[in-house]
N, C-alpha and C. Protein backbone atom coordinates (compact mmCIF):
# COMPACT_ATOMS: atom_id res chain seq x y z
N MET A 1 64.30 125.94 146.75
CA MET A 1 64.83 124.61 146.57
C MET A 1 65.30 124.11 147.95
N PRO A 2 64.94 122.90 148.34
CA PRO A 2 65.38 122.37 149.64
C PRO A 2 66.90 122.26 149.72
N TYR A 3 67.38 122.38 150.94
CA TYR A 3 68.82 122.39 151.21
C TYR A 3 69.51 121.13 150.71
N PHE A 4 68.93 119.96 150.96
CA PHE A 4 69.53 118.69 150.54
C PHE A 4 69.65 118.62 149.03
N ILE A 5 68.66 119.10 148.32
CA ILE A 5 68.69 119.04 146.86
C ILE A 5 69.78 119.97 146.31
N LYS A 6 70.00 121.10 146.96
CA LYS A 6 71.08 122.00 146.53
C LYS A 6 72.43 121.30 146.64
N ILE A 7 72.68 120.69 147.78
CA ILE A 7 73.96 120.01 147.98
C ILE A 7 74.09 118.82 147.03
N PHE A 8 73.02 118.07 146.85
CA PHE A 8 73.07 116.91 145.97
C PHE A 8 73.27 117.33 144.52
N SER A 9 72.68 118.44 144.10
CA SER A 9 72.87 118.90 142.72
C SER A 9 74.31 119.38 142.50
N VAL A 10 74.90 120.01 143.52
CA VAL A 10 76.31 120.41 143.42
C VAL A 10 77.19 119.17 143.34
N PHE A 11 76.88 118.17 144.15
CA PHE A 11 77.61 116.90 144.12
C PHE A 11 77.54 116.27 142.73
N LEU A 12 76.34 116.19 142.16
CA LEU A 12 76.18 115.58 140.84
C LEU A 12 76.87 116.37 139.74
N LEU A 13 76.79 117.69 139.80
CA LEU A 13 77.45 118.50 138.79
C LEU A 13 78.97 118.34 138.87
N ALA A 14 79.49 118.20 140.07
CA ALA A 14 80.94 118.03 140.24
C ALA A 14 81.44 116.71 139.69
N THR A 15 80.57 115.74 139.52
CA THR A 15 81.02 114.45 138.98
C THR A 15 81.42 114.55 137.52
N VAL A 16 80.85 115.50 136.78
CA VAL A 16 81.18 115.59 135.35
C VAL A 16 81.73 116.95 134.93
N LYS A 17 81.21 118.03 135.46
CA LYS A 17 81.65 119.38 135.09
C LYS A 17 82.22 120.08 136.31
N TYR A 18 83.43 119.76 136.64
CA TYR A 18 84.04 120.22 137.88
C TYR A 18 84.34 121.71 137.86
N PHE A 19 84.71 122.25 136.73
CA PHE A 19 85.12 123.64 136.65
C PHE A 19 83.96 124.60 136.91
N TYR A 20 82.76 124.24 136.47
CA TYR A 20 81.61 125.13 136.60
C TYR A 20 80.85 124.95 137.91
N THR A 21 81.21 123.99 138.69
CA THR A 21 80.46 123.67 139.90
C THR A 21 80.49 124.80 140.94
N PRO A 22 81.62 125.47 141.21
CA PRO A 22 81.58 126.54 142.22
C PRO A 22 80.63 127.68 141.85
N LEU A 23 80.56 128.01 140.58
CA LEU A 23 79.65 129.07 140.16
C LEU A 23 78.20 128.66 140.41
N TYR A 24 77.89 127.42 140.08
CA TYR A 24 76.54 126.92 140.32
C TYR A 24 76.23 126.90 141.82
N ALA A 25 77.20 126.45 142.61
CA ALA A 25 76.99 126.42 144.07
C ALA A 25 76.80 127.82 144.62
N PHE A 26 77.55 128.76 144.10
CA PHE A 26 77.42 130.15 144.54
C PHE A 26 76.03 130.68 144.20
N LEU A 27 75.57 130.39 142.99
CA LEU A 27 74.27 130.89 142.55
C LEU A 27 73.11 130.22 143.27
N THR A 28 73.29 129.00 143.75
CA THR A 28 72.22 128.34 144.50
C THR A 28 72.14 128.82 145.94
N GLY A 29 73.16 129.54 146.40
CA GLY A 29 73.10 130.12 147.73
C GLY A 29 73.82 129.33 148.80
N LEU A 30 74.62 128.37 148.42
CA LEU A 30 75.40 127.64 149.42
C LEU A 30 76.59 128.48 149.86
N ASN A 31 77.04 128.27 151.10
CA ASN A 31 78.21 129.01 151.52
C ASN A 31 79.48 128.30 151.03
N PHE A 32 80.62 128.89 151.33
CA PHE A 32 81.90 128.41 150.78
C PHE A 32 82.18 126.96 151.16
N TRP A 33 82.09 126.64 152.44
CA TRP A 33 82.47 125.30 152.89
C TRP A 33 81.48 124.24 152.45
N GLU A 34 80.20 124.55 152.43
CA GLU A 34 79.20 123.58 151.96
C GLU A 34 79.45 123.23 150.50
N SER A 35 79.68 124.27 149.70
CA SER A 35 79.90 124.02 148.27
C SER A 35 81.22 123.29 148.04
N TYR A 36 82.27 123.66 148.79
CA TYR A 36 83.56 122.99 148.60
C TYR A 36 83.48 121.52 148.97
N ILE A 37 82.85 121.21 150.09
CA ILE A 37 82.76 119.81 150.52
C ILE A 37 81.92 118.99 149.55
N ALA A 38 80.79 119.53 149.10
CA ALA A 38 79.95 118.81 148.14
C ALA A 38 80.69 118.65 146.81
N MET A 39 81.39 119.68 146.41
CA MET A 39 82.13 119.64 145.14
C MET A 39 83.29 118.64 145.20
N ALA A 40 84.07 118.70 146.26
CA ALA A 40 85.20 117.78 146.39
C ALA A 40 84.72 116.34 146.50
N ALA A 41 83.66 116.13 147.26
CA ALA A 41 83.12 114.76 147.39
C ALA A 41 82.64 114.24 146.04
N GLY A 42 81.95 115.08 145.28
CA GLY A 42 81.49 114.67 143.95
C GLY A 42 82.64 114.35 143.02
N GLY A 43 83.67 115.18 143.03
CA GLY A 43 84.82 114.93 142.17
C GLY A 43 85.57 113.67 142.56
N ILE A 44 85.75 113.45 143.85
CA ILE A 44 86.48 112.28 144.32
C ILE A 44 85.71 111.00 144.03
N VAL A 45 84.42 111.01 144.32
CA VAL A 45 83.60 109.82 144.04
C VAL A 45 83.58 109.52 142.55
N SER A 46 83.45 110.56 141.75
CA SER A 46 83.44 110.38 140.29
C SER A 46 84.77 109.82 139.80
N PHE A 47 85.87 110.37 140.29
CA PHE A 47 87.18 109.88 139.85
C PHE A 47 87.36 108.41 140.21
N LEU A 48 87.05 108.06 141.44
CA LEU A 48 87.22 106.66 141.86
C LEU A 48 86.31 105.73 141.06
N PHE A 49 85.07 106.14 140.83
CA PHE A 49 84.16 105.31 140.06
C PHE A 49 84.68 105.09 138.65
N PHE A 50 85.04 106.16 137.96
CA PHE A 50 85.48 106.03 136.58
C PHE A 50 86.86 105.39 136.47
N TYR A 51 87.71 105.57 137.46
CA TYR A 51 89.03 104.95 137.44
C TYR A 51 88.91 103.43 137.50
N TYR A 52 88.08 102.95 138.41
CA TYR A 52 87.98 101.50 138.56
C TYR A 52 87.05 100.86 137.55
N ILE A 53 86.05 101.57 137.06
CA ILE A 53 85.17 100.99 136.04
C ILE A 53 85.86 100.98 134.68
N SER A 54 86.79 101.90 134.43
CA SER A 54 87.48 101.93 133.13
C SER A 54 88.36 100.71 132.94
N HIS A 55 88.92 100.18 134.00
CA HIS A 55 89.71 98.96 133.88
C HIS A 55 88.82 97.81 133.41
N PHE A 56 87.64 97.71 133.97
CA PHE A 56 86.70 96.67 133.56
C PHE A 56 86.30 96.85 132.10
N ILE A 57 86.09 98.08 131.67
CA ILE A 57 85.68 98.34 130.29
C ILE A 57 86.80 97.99 129.32
N VAL A 58 88.03 98.38 129.64
CA VAL A 58 89.17 98.08 128.75
C VAL A 58 89.36 96.58 128.63
N ILE A 59 89.30 95.87 129.74
CA ILE A 59 89.48 94.42 129.72
C ILE A 59 88.34 93.73 128.99
N SER A 60 87.12 94.15 129.25
CA SER A 60 85.98 93.46 128.66
C SER A 60 85.88 93.68 127.15
N THR A 61 86.33 94.82 126.64
CA THR A 61 86.23 95.04 125.20
C THR A 61 87.16 94.13 124.41
N LYS A 62 88.20 93.63 125.04
CA LYS A 62 89.08 92.69 124.36
C LYS A 62 88.39 91.37 124.09
N PHE A 63 87.38 91.05 124.89
CA PHE A 63 86.73 89.75 124.78
C PHE A 63 85.36 89.82 124.11
N VAL A 64 84.80 91.00 123.94
CA VAL A 64 83.46 91.11 123.41
C VAL A 64 83.40 90.77 121.93
N LYS A 65 84.32 91.28 121.14
CA LYS A 65 84.26 91.07 119.69
C LYS A 65 84.44 89.60 119.30
N PRO A 66 85.41 88.87 119.84
CA PRO A 66 85.50 87.46 119.47
C PRO A 66 84.28 86.64 119.89
N VAL A 67 83.73 86.94 121.03
CA VAL A 67 82.55 86.20 121.48
C VAL A 67 81.36 86.56 120.61
N ALA A 68 81.24 87.82 120.24
CA ALA A 68 80.12 88.24 119.39
C ALA A 68 80.21 87.57 118.03
N ARG A 69 81.41 87.37 117.52
CA ARG A 69 81.56 86.69 116.23
C ARG A 69 81.14 85.24 116.31
N ARG A 70 81.43 84.59 117.43
CA ARG A 70 81.05 83.18 117.56
C ARG A 70 79.56 83.01 117.80
N VAL A 71 78.94 83.94 118.49
CA VAL A 71 77.54 83.80 118.88
C VAL A 71 76.60 84.28 117.78
N ALA A 72 77.00 85.27 117.02
CA ALA A 72 76.11 85.86 116.01
C ALA A 72 75.83 84.88 114.88
N PRO A 73 74.59 84.88 114.39
CA PRO A 73 74.25 84.01 113.25
C PRO A 73 75.01 84.43 111.99
N ASN A 74 75.24 83.47 111.12
CA ASN A 74 76.00 83.72 109.90
C ASN A 74 75.40 84.80 109.00
N PRO A 75 74.07 84.84 108.79
CA PRO A 75 73.53 85.94 107.96
C PRO A 75 73.85 87.33 108.52
N TRP A 76 73.83 87.46 109.83
CA TRP A 76 74.16 88.75 110.43
C TRP A 76 75.61 89.11 110.19
N LEU A 77 76.48 88.12 110.35
CA LEU A 77 77.90 88.38 110.12
C LEU A 77 78.16 88.74 108.67
N LYS A 78 77.48 88.06 107.74
CA LYS A 78 77.65 88.36 106.32
C LYS A 78 77.20 89.79 106.02
N LYS A 79 76.05 90.21 106.56
CA LYS A 79 75.60 91.59 106.37
C LYS A 79 76.60 92.58 106.97
N TYR A 80 77.11 92.25 108.12
CA TYR A 80 78.07 93.14 108.79
C TYR A 80 79.31 93.33 107.94
N TYR A 81 79.88 92.23 107.45
CA TYR A 81 81.10 92.33 106.65
C TYR A 81 80.85 92.96 105.28
N ASP A 82 79.67 92.69 104.67
CA ASP A 82 79.33 93.35 103.40
C ASP A 82 79.23 94.87 103.59
N ARG A 83 78.56 95.29 104.64
CA ARG A 83 78.41 96.71 104.92
C ARG A 83 79.77 97.34 105.21
N LYS A 84 80.61 96.62 105.93
CA LYS A 84 81.94 97.11 106.26
C LYS A 84 82.79 97.27 104.99
N ASP A 85 82.70 96.30 104.06
CA ASP A 85 83.45 96.39 102.80
C ASP A 85 82.96 97.55 101.94
N ARG A 86 81.63 97.76 101.89
CA ARG A 86 81.09 98.86 101.10
C ARG A 86 81.54 100.21 101.66
N LYS A 87 81.52 100.31 102.97
CA LYS A 87 81.98 101.55 103.59
C LYS A 87 83.45 101.80 103.32
N ALA A 88 84.25 100.76 103.34
CA ALA A 88 85.68 100.91 103.11
C ALA A 88 85.96 101.36 101.68
N LEU A 89 85.19 100.90 100.72
CA LEU A 89 85.39 101.31 99.33
C LEU A 89 85.01 102.77 99.10
N ASN A 90 83.93 103.22 99.75
CA ASN A 90 83.43 104.57 99.52
C ASN A 90 84.00 105.61 100.47
N ALA A 91 84.67 105.18 101.49
CA ALA A 91 85.12 106.12 102.53
C ALA A 91 86.37 106.87 102.12
N LYS A 92 86.42 108.10 102.56
CA LYS A 92 87.62 108.89 102.40
C LYS A 92 88.59 108.48 103.50
N PRO A 93 89.86 108.72 103.30
CA PRO A 93 90.78 108.41 104.40
C PRO A 93 90.45 109.25 105.63
N LYS A 94 90.35 108.59 106.75
CA LYS A 94 89.97 109.24 107.99
C LYS A 94 91.13 110.05 108.56
N SER A 95 90.82 111.20 109.07
CA SER A 95 91.83 112.00 109.74
C SER A 95 92.18 111.34 111.07
N LYS A 96 93.44 111.04 111.24
CA LYS A 96 93.83 110.32 112.44
C LYS A 96 93.97 111.24 113.65
N PHE A 97 94.19 112.51 113.38
CA PHE A 97 94.39 113.44 114.48
C PHE A 97 93.34 114.55 114.45
N ASN A 98 92.56 114.60 115.48
CA ASN A 98 91.67 115.72 115.68
C ASN A 98 92.12 116.43 116.94
N LYS A 99 91.41 117.46 117.35
CA LYS A 99 91.86 118.25 118.50
C LYS A 99 91.95 117.41 119.77
N ARG A 100 90.98 116.55 119.96
CA ARG A 100 90.97 115.73 121.17
C ARG A 100 92.15 114.76 121.19
N ASN A 101 92.40 114.10 120.07
CA ASN A 101 93.52 113.16 120.00
C ASN A 101 94.85 113.87 120.20
N ARG A 102 94.99 115.05 119.65
CA ARG A 102 96.24 115.80 119.83
C ARG A 102 96.44 116.18 121.29
N LEU A 103 95.35 116.59 121.96
CA LEU A 103 95.45 116.94 123.37
C LEU A 103 95.88 115.72 124.19
N ILE A 104 95.30 114.58 123.91
CA ILE A 104 95.64 113.36 124.64
C ILE A 104 97.10 112.98 124.42
N ILE A 105 97.57 113.11 123.19
CA ILE A 105 98.97 112.76 122.91
C ILE A 105 99.92 113.75 123.59
N LYS A 106 99.57 115.03 123.56
CA LYS A 106 100.41 116.01 124.25
C LYS A 106 100.46 115.74 125.74
N LEU A 107 99.32 115.40 126.31
CA LEU A 107 99.29 115.09 127.74
C LEU A 107 100.11 113.85 128.06
N ARG A 108 100.07 112.87 127.18
CA ARG A 108 100.82 111.64 127.43
C ARG A 108 102.32 111.90 127.32
N LYS A 109 102.72 112.77 126.40
CA LYS A 109 104.15 113.10 126.27
C LYS A 109 104.66 113.82 127.50
N VAL A 110 103.85 114.71 128.04
CA VAL A 110 104.28 115.47 129.21
C VAL A 110 104.32 114.56 130.43
N GLY A 111 103.41 113.63 130.52
CA GLY A 111 103.47 112.66 131.59
C GLY A 111 102.27 112.65 132.50
N VAL A 112 102.44 111.87 133.53
CA VAL A 112 101.37 111.63 134.47
C VAL A 112 100.98 112.91 135.21
N TRP A 113 101.94 113.79 135.46
CA TRP A 113 101.64 115.02 136.18
C TRP A 113 100.70 115.92 135.38
N ALA A 114 100.87 115.98 134.10
CA ALA A 114 99.99 116.81 133.28
C ALA A 114 98.56 116.29 133.33
N ILE A 115 98.40 114.98 133.27
CA ILE A 115 97.06 114.41 133.33
C ILE A 115 96.44 114.66 134.70
N ILE A 116 97.23 114.47 135.75
CA ILE A 116 96.70 114.67 137.10
C ILE A 116 96.28 116.12 137.32
N LEU A 117 97.10 117.06 136.89
CA LEU A 117 96.82 118.47 137.16
C LEU A 117 95.72 119.04 136.26
N THR A 118 95.56 118.51 135.06
CA THR A 118 94.54 119.05 134.16
C THR A 118 93.21 118.31 134.23
N THR A 119 93.17 117.19 134.93
CA THR A 119 91.93 116.42 134.97
C THR A 119 90.75 117.21 135.52
N PRO A 120 90.84 117.87 136.66
CA PRO A 120 89.64 118.55 137.17
C PRO A 120 89.20 119.76 136.34
N VAL A 121 90.14 120.52 135.79
CA VAL A 121 89.74 121.78 135.17
C VAL A 121 89.74 121.75 133.65
N ALA A 122 90.73 121.18 133.02
CA ALA A 122 90.83 121.25 131.56
C ALA A 122 90.12 120.07 130.88
N ILE A 123 90.45 118.87 131.29
CA ILE A 123 89.75 117.71 130.75
C ILE A 123 88.79 117.23 131.83
N SER A 124 87.81 116.50 131.46
CA SER A 124 86.81 116.09 132.46
C SER A 124 87.37 114.99 133.37
N ILE A 125 86.75 114.85 134.51
CA ILE A 125 87.19 113.84 135.47
C ILE A 125 87.06 112.42 134.91
N PRO A 126 85.95 112.07 134.23
CA PRO A 126 85.89 110.72 133.67
C PRO A 126 87.00 110.44 132.65
N LEU A 127 87.29 111.40 131.78
CA LEU A 127 88.34 111.20 130.79
C LEU A 127 89.71 111.12 131.45
N GLY A 128 89.97 111.96 132.42
CA GLY A 128 91.24 111.91 133.13
C GLY A 128 91.43 110.59 133.87
N ALA A 129 90.38 110.10 134.49
CA ALA A 129 90.46 108.81 135.19
C ALA A 129 90.74 107.68 134.20
N PHE A 130 90.08 107.74 133.05
CA PHE A 130 90.32 106.71 132.02
C PHE A 130 91.75 106.76 131.51
N LEU A 131 92.27 107.96 131.25
CA LEU A 131 93.64 108.08 130.76
C LEU A 131 94.66 107.59 131.78
N LEU A 132 94.45 107.94 133.03
CA LEU A 132 95.37 107.47 134.07
C LEU A 132 95.34 105.96 134.19
N ARG A 133 94.16 105.38 134.11
CA ARG A 133 94.05 103.92 134.23
C ARG A 133 94.65 103.22 133.02
N LYS A 134 94.46 103.80 131.85
CA LYS A 134 94.94 103.15 130.64
C LYS A 134 96.46 103.26 130.47
N TYR A 135 97.02 104.45 130.72
CA TYR A 135 98.43 104.66 130.44
C TYR A 135 99.35 104.47 131.65
N TYR A 136 98.82 104.59 132.85
CA TYR A 136 99.65 104.44 134.05
C TYR A 136 98.97 103.52 135.07
N PRO A 137 98.67 102.29 134.69
CA PRO A 137 97.92 101.42 135.61
C PRO A 137 98.73 100.92 136.80
N ARG A 138 100.04 100.78 136.64
CA ARG A 138 100.85 100.21 137.71
C ARG A 138 101.68 101.25 138.47
N ARG A 139 101.50 102.48 138.15
CA ARG A 139 102.27 103.53 138.83
C ARG A 139 101.69 103.77 140.22
N LYS A 140 102.53 103.68 141.21
CA LYS A 140 102.06 103.80 142.58
C LYS A 140 101.78 105.26 142.93
N GLY A 141 100.73 105.47 143.67
CA GLY A 141 100.39 106.80 144.15
C GLY A 141 99.63 107.67 143.18
N VAL A 142 99.29 107.16 142.01
CA VAL A 142 98.59 107.98 141.01
C VAL A 142 97.20 108.35 141.51
N VAL A 143 96.50 107.40 142.10
CA VAL A 143 95.14 107.67 142.56
C VAL A 143 95.17 108.71 143.69
N LEU A 144 96.07 108.54 144.62
CA LEU A 144 96.17 109.49 145.73
C LEU A 144 96.52 110.89 145.24
N LEU A 145 97.47 110.99 144.31
CA LEU A 145 97.84 112.30 143.77
C LEU A 145 96.68 112.94 143.01
N ALA A 146 95.94 112.14 142.26
CA ALA A 146 94.79 112.67 141.53
C ALA A 146 93.71 113.16 142.50
N LEU A 147 93.48 112.41 143.57
CA LEU A 147 92.48 112.84 144.55
C LEU A 147 92.91 114.11 145.25
N LEU A 148 94.18 114.22 145.57
CA LEU A 148 94.69 115.46 146.18
C LEU A 148 94.57 116.64 145.21
N ALA A 149 94.85 116.40 143.94
CA ALA A 149 94.71 117.47 142.95
C ALA A 149 93.26 117.91 142.81
N ILE A 150 92.34 116.96 142.85
CA ILE A 150 90.92 117.31 142.76
C ILE A 150 90.51 118.15 143.96
N ALA A 151 90.93 117.76 145.15
CA ALA A 151 90.57 118.51 146.35
C ALA A 151 91.21 119.90 146.35
N LEU A 152 92.48 119.98 145.99
CA LEU A 152 93.17 121.27 145.99
C LEU A 152 92.63 122.21 144.93
N GLU A 153 92.42 121.70 143.73
CA GLU A 153 91.89 122.56 142.67
C GLU A 153 90.46 122.97 142.95
N GLY A 154 89.70 122.11 143.61
CA GLY A 154 88.35 122.49 144.03
C GLY A 154 88.38 123.64 145.02
N PHE A 155 89.31 123.57 145.95
CA PHE A 155 89.45 124.65 146.93
C PHE A 155 89.83 125.96 146.24
N LEU A 156 90.77 125.88 145.32
CA LEU A 156 91.19 127.08 144.60
C LEU A 156 90.07 127.65 143.73
N LEU A 157 89.31 126.79 143.09
CA LEU A 157 88.19 127.26 142.28
C LEU A 157 87.12 127.92 143.14
N CYS A 158 86.83 127.33 144.28
CA CYS A 158 85.86 127.95 145.19
C CYS A 158 86.36 129.31 145.68
N LEU A 159 87.63 129.40 146.03
CA LEU A 159 88.20 130.69 146.43
C LEU A 159 88.07 131.71 145.30
N LEU A 160 88.36 131.29 144.10
CA LEU A 160 88.28 132.18 142.95
C LEU A 160 86.87 132.72 142.77
N PHE A 161 85.87 131.84 142.81
CA PHE A 161 84.50 132.28 142.58
C PHE A 161 83.94 133.08 143.75
N TRP A 162 84.32 132.75 144.96
CA TRP A 162 83.78 133.47 146.11
C TRP A 162 84.42 134.85 146.26
N ASN A 163 85.62 135.03 145.75
CA ASN A 163 86.30 136.32 145.87
C ASN A 163 86.33 137.10 144.55
N MET A 164 85.56 136.68 143.59
CA MET A 164 85.54 137.36 142.30
C MET A 164 84.79 138.69 142.43
N PRO A 165 85.43 139.78 142.03
CA PRO A 165 84.73 141.07 142.14
C PRO A 165 83.58 141.15 141.13
N GLY A 166 82.50 141.74 141.56
CA GLY A 166 81.36 141.91 140.69
C GLY A 166 80.38 140.76 140.72
N LEU A 167 80.77 139.64 141.32
CA LEU A 167 79.86 138.50 141.38
C LEU A 167 78.88 138.65 142.52
N ARG A 168 79.30 139.29 143.58
CA ARG A 168 78.40 139.53 144.71
C ARG A 168 77.65 140.83 144.46
N SER A 169 76.35 140.75 144.61
CA SER A 169 75.56 141.98 144.42
C SER A 169 74.43 142.07 145.40
């Protein structure tokens, strides 16, 4: 595999699956610093992209439904509401809390630090960026702290995988 493709694949993997990226970089044959820089760059670019695009998504969804109701033809709206009423009659009560919702609520109770520290390893970078933007949009320094956490945890993960006994053979 060409050198550029190795680094680019590590970069792309770090945008969504940050925890597994050092192992992949190790297996592709990159050295410690190459993999760390590609991994940190991928995580930082991903966080910034999802942090700023999530604001647009949250704002735009507030306006999509009313506009769709005005623009959609009446037969379509009638079918939509009929289907919605039928589903409501036949549906069981929905469970409001699943594992993901409970994790998000626990993280929100603990605060911004829990979201920042768990974003790279426990929850994905896109979800962490969305949570930070949604629940702490005006808190100063959140983006910088999250970027520092991504870089630091990337370094620690690379150290862990490069010094793991039995992985080198």
